[in-house]
Amino acid sequence: MTRLISEGRASAGHSTFNYPDRGATARQPLPAGYNITHHRIRIGHGQAAFDAAGAAVTTFRAHRTSGMLVTAGARPVRPGDRVVVGIGIGPARIDAPCEVIWTAYEPRRTGFAYGTLTGHPARGEESFVVDMEADGSVWFEVSAFSRPGSWYTRVAGPVLPFLQQVYARRLGRCVRRLATDARPARYWRGWTGSRRPDTGSDG
């Protein structure tokens, strides 16, 4: 379950990130000392596919379609939005808090990244990005770095990176289905316009 718990931007002074490499998914290579997840998949072709996929990713529709129970604001994410990812079901569910670190709303690139906060069973960051190449092909990419942040994730050991990779592939297939549908995302395009990567400042 993913739940948006703050519609506005969070003050940097109130952020409680539990790892030191904040924003590293915006750069390459990803930092050493973490488990790395990377998956890139072609999801369609042309502007309509790009728009549909971008809207699905930045409003959590793609996550919801992948099987997660998602409660979030209707608008696309912005830096500082707080998100809670519910891991597990019923009384065994663990609320894993995250915060959106950066977003990109560009003519050929759309997506965001969030990082883990205190209380999350892992430590790290994950990005979800839709790109349109010069030939019109549209791609979806997941990049993440993480390491255990609690005793039970340390016990799980190598199982967690495997599950992260499995989920990244599942999410990619869902984004591809949504891009194939390729319905115009007028609300999303009207809200975002053409923007450079957004780190929370208006400059």
Protein backbone atom coordinates (compact mmCIF):
# COMPACT_ATOMS: atom_id res chain seq x y z
CA MET A 1 0.00 0.00 0.00
CA THR A 2 1.28 3.45 -0.84
CA ARG A 3 -0.23 6.43 0.93
CA LEU A 4 0.55 10.08 0.32
CA ILE A 5 0.62 11.66 3.76
CA SER A 6 1.54 15.23 2.85
CA GLU A 7 0.15 17.16 -0.10
CA GLY A 8 2.64 19.98 0.35
CA ARG A 9 6.39 20.19 0.36
CA ALA A 10 8.17 19.02 3.49
CA SER A 11 10.61 21.30 5.16
CA ALA A 12 14.16 20.04 4.83
CA GLY A 13 14.54 20.57 8.55
CA HIS A 14 11.84 18.00 9.24
CA SER A 15 13.20 15.34 6.87
CA THR A 16 14.49 12.22 8.61
CA PHE A 17 16.23 10.33 5.84
CA ASN A 18 17.91 7.21 7.17
CA TYR A 19 20.74 7.03 4.61
CA PRO A 20 23.47 9.53 3.63
CA ASP A 21 23.32 9.45 -0.18
CA ARG A 22 20.21 11.53 -0.77
CA GLY A 23 19.56 12.30 -4.43
CA ALA A 24 22.06 9.78 -5.77
CA THR A 25 19.55 8.23 -8.20
CA ALA A 26 19.86 11.43 -10.25
CA ARG A 27 23.51 10.57 -10.92
CA GLN A 28 25.51 7.63 -12.24
CA PRO A 29 27.02 5.40 -11.07
CA LEU A 30 24.88 4.62 -8.05
CA PRO A 31 26.77 4.68 -4.73
CA ALA A 32 28.81 1.71 -3.57
CA GLY A 33 27.92 -0.32 -0.50
CA TYR A 34 24.30 -1.00 -1.46
CA ASN A 35 22.31 -3.64 -3.28
CA ILE A 36 21.59 -2.26 -6.76
CA THR A 37 18.37 -2.80 -8.71
CA HIS A 38 18.12 -1.72 -12.33
CA HIS A 39 15.51 -2.55 -14.94
CA ARG A 40 14.77 -0.85 -18.26
CA ILE A 41 12.03 -1.91 -20.65
CA ARG A 42 10.64 -0.53 -23.91
CA ILE A 43 6.99 0.30 -23.34
CA GLY A 44 5.77 1.91 -26.55
CA HIS A 45 6.28 4.53 -29.22
CA GLY A 46 5.28 8.14 -29.68
CA GLN A 47 3.95 11.09 -27.71
CA ALA A 48 0.69 9.46 -26.61
CA ALA A 49 2.53 6.50 -25.07
CA PHE A 50 5.01 8.83 -23.36
CA ASP A 51 2.23 11.00 -21.91
CA ALA A 52 0.18 8.03 -20.69
CA ALA A 53 3.18 6.35 -19.07
CA GLY A 54 4.40 9.58 -17.45
CA ALA A 55 0.98 10.25 -15.96
CA ALA A 56 0.70 6.67 -14.69
CA VAL A 57 4.09 6.78 -12.98
CA THR A 58 3.87 10.22 -11.36
CA THR A 59 0.35 9.69 -9.97
CA PHE A 60 1.07 6.13 -8.68
CA ARG A 61 -1.43 4.64 -11.12
CA ALA A 62 1.28 2.27 -12.34
CA HIS A 63 2.01 1.10 -8.79
CA ARG A 64 -1.69 0.57 -8.19
CA THR A 65 -2.05 -1.43 -11.41
CA SER A 66 0.86 -3.63 -10.36
CA GLY A 67 -1.23 -4.89 -7.44
CA MET A 68 -0.38 -2.41 -4.68
CA LEU A 69 -3.23 -0.81 -2.78
CA VAL A 70 -2.50 2.87 -3.35
CA THR A 71 -4.00 5.94 -1.72
CA ALA A 72 -2.45 9.16 -3.01
CA GLY A 73 -3.26 12.68 -4.06
CA ALA A 74 -4.72 13.18 -7.53
CA ARG A 75 -1.97 15.46 -8.75
CA PRO A 76 1.48 14.38 -9.93
CA VAL A 77 4.11 14.12 -7.19
CA ARG A 78 6.38 16.99 -6.18
CA PRO A 79 9.59 17.08 -4.13
CA GLY A 80 8.82 16.93 -0.42
CA ASP A 81 5.70 14.78 -0.74
CA ARG A 82 5.69 12.13 1.97
CA VAL A 83 4.70 8.59 0.97
CA VAL A 84 4.07 5.48 3.07
CA VAL A 85 4.51 2.11 1.43
CA GLY A 86 2.67 -0.71 3.18
CA ILE A 87 4.68 -3.92 3.11
CA GLY A 88 2.79 -7.13 3.88
CA ILE A 89 -0.90 -7.65 4.65
CA GLY A 90 -3.25 -7.47 7.62
CA PRO A 91 -1.69 -7.25 11.09
CA ALA A 92 1.70 -8.17 9.59
CA ARG A 93 1.79 -5.04 7.45
CA ILE A 94 4.69 -2.67 8.03
CA ASP A 95 4.38 1.00 7.15
CA ALA A 96 7.53 2.08 5.34
CA PRO A 97 7.81 5.91 5.07
CA CYS A 98 9.50 7.65 2.13
CA GLU A 99 9.86 11.18 0.80
CA VAL A 100 9.95 12.31 -2.83
CA ILE A 101 13.40 13.78 -3.44
CA TRP A 102 13.34 14.88 -7.06
CA THR A 103 10.96 14.95 -9.99
CA ALA A 104 11.47 15.44 -13.73
CA TYR A 105 8.76 16.89 -15.98
CA GLU A 106 10.53 17.41 -19.28
CA PRO A 107 9.52 17.10 -22.96
CA ARG A 108 11.22 13.69 -23.22
CA ARG A 109 11.72 12.61 -19.60
CA THR A 110 9.22 12.21 -16.76
CA GLY A 111 9.57 10.58 -13.37
CA PHE A 112 10.59 10.87 -9.74
CA ALA A 113 12.62 9.33 -6.96
CA TYR A 114 11.89 8.81 -3.30
CA GLY A 115 14.17 7.99 -0.41
CA THR A 116 13.60 6.05 2.79
CA LEU A 117 12.89 7.80 6.09
CA THR A 118 13.40 6.74 9.71
CA GLY A 119 11.14 3.75 10.39
CA HIS A 120 11.59 2.22 6.94
CA PRO A 121 12.93 -1.37 7.08
CA ALA A 122 15.44 -0.51 4.35
CA ARG A 123 17.83 2.34 3.70
CA GLY A 124 18.11 3.78 0.22
CA GLU A 125 16.43 5.36 -2.75
CA GLU A 126 14.44 4.38 -5.84
CA SER A 127 13.62 6.21 -9.07
CA PHE A 128 10.93 5.59 -11.69
CA VAL A 129 11.53 7.33 -15.03
CA VAL A 130 9.88 7.35 -18.47
CA ASP A 131 12.07 8.44 -21.40
CA MET A 132 11.32 9.06 -25.07
CA GLU A 133 14.29 8.57 -27.40
CA ALA A 134 14.97 10.55 -30.57
CA ASP A 135 13.43 7.76 -32.67
CA GLY A 136 10.17 8.03 -30.72
CA SER A 137 10.63 4.84 -28.71
CA VAL A 138 9.44 5.12 -25.10
CA TRP A 139 11.24 3.40 -22.23
CA PHE A 140 10.57 2.90 -18.52
CA GLU A 141 13.46 2.56 -16.08
CA VAL A 142 13.69 1.66 -12.41
CA SER A 143 16.94 2.37 -10.56
CA ALA A 144 17.42 1.70 -6.86
CA PHE A 145 20.07 1.28 -4.23
CA SER A 146 19.27 -0.11 -0.80
CA ARG A 147 20.54 -2.04 2.16
CA PRO A 148 18.82 -3.55 5.21
CA GLY A 149 17.63 -1.10 7.82
CA SER A 150 16.17 -3.48 10.42
CA TRP A 151 16.93 -6.87 11.95
CA TYR A 152 14.35 -8.69 9.84
CA THR A 153 15.58 -7.26 6.55
CA ARG A 154 19.11 -8.22 7.54
CA VAL A 155 17.88 -11.78 8.22
CA ALA A 156 16.19 -11.85 4.80
CA GLY A 157 19.59 -11.21 3.25
CA PRO A 158 19.83 -11.84 -0.52
CA VAL A 159 16.09 -12.52 -0.84
CA LEU A 160 15.30 -8.78 -0.76
CA PRO A 161 17.34 -7.77 -3.85
CA PHE A 162 15.73 -10.65 -5.74
CA LEU A 163 12.24 -9.48 -4.76
CA GLN A 164 13.07 -5.90 -5.69
CA GLN A 165 14.14 -7.02 -9.15
CA VAL A 166 11.00 -9.12 -9.57
CA TYR A 167 8.83 -6.17 -8.62
CA ALA A 168 10.69 -3.79 -10.95
CA ARG A 169 9.97 -6.15 -13.84
CA ARG A 170 6.31 -6.43 -12.87
CA LEU A 171 5.98 -2.67 -12.62
CA GLY A 172 7.58 -2.31 -16.04
CA ARG A 173 5.02 -4.64 -17.58
CA CYS A 174 2.20 -2.63 -15.99
CA VAL A 175 3.59 0.65 -17.32
CA ARG A 176 3.83 -0.92 -20.78
CA ARG A 177 0.16 -1.91 -20.66
CA LEU A 178 -0.81 1.60 -19.60
CA ALA A 179 1.37 3.13 -22.33
CA THR A 180 -0.17 0.84 -24.94
CA ASP A 181 -3.59 2.10 -23.88
CA ALA A 182 -2.12 5.56 -24.51
CA ARG A 183 -5.14 7.67 -23.71
CA PRO A 184 -4.39 11.42 -23.74
CA ALA A 185 -3.43 12.67 -20.27
CA ARG A 186 -4.75 16.22 -20.61
CA TYR A 187 -4.93 16.94 -16.90
CA TRP A 188 -1.41 15.72 -16.29
CA ARG A 189 0.11 17.67 -19.20
CA GLY A 190 -1.80 20.78 -18.23
CA TRP A 191 -0.47 20.61 -14.68
CA THR A 192 3.15 19.84 -15.48
CA GLY A 193 3.79 21.63 -18.76
CA SER A 194 7.40 21.33 -19.89
CA ARG A 195 9.69 21.47 -16.87
CA ARG A 196 13.28 20.80 -16.07
CA PRO A 197 14.00 18.40 -13.16
CA ASP A 198 12.32 19.76 -10.04
CA THR A 199 14.16 19.65 -6.72
CA GLY A 200 11.66 21.76 -4.86
CA SER A 201 12.84 25.26 -5.74
CA ASP A 202 10.92 27.58 -8.05
CA GLY A 203 14.04 29.03 -9.63
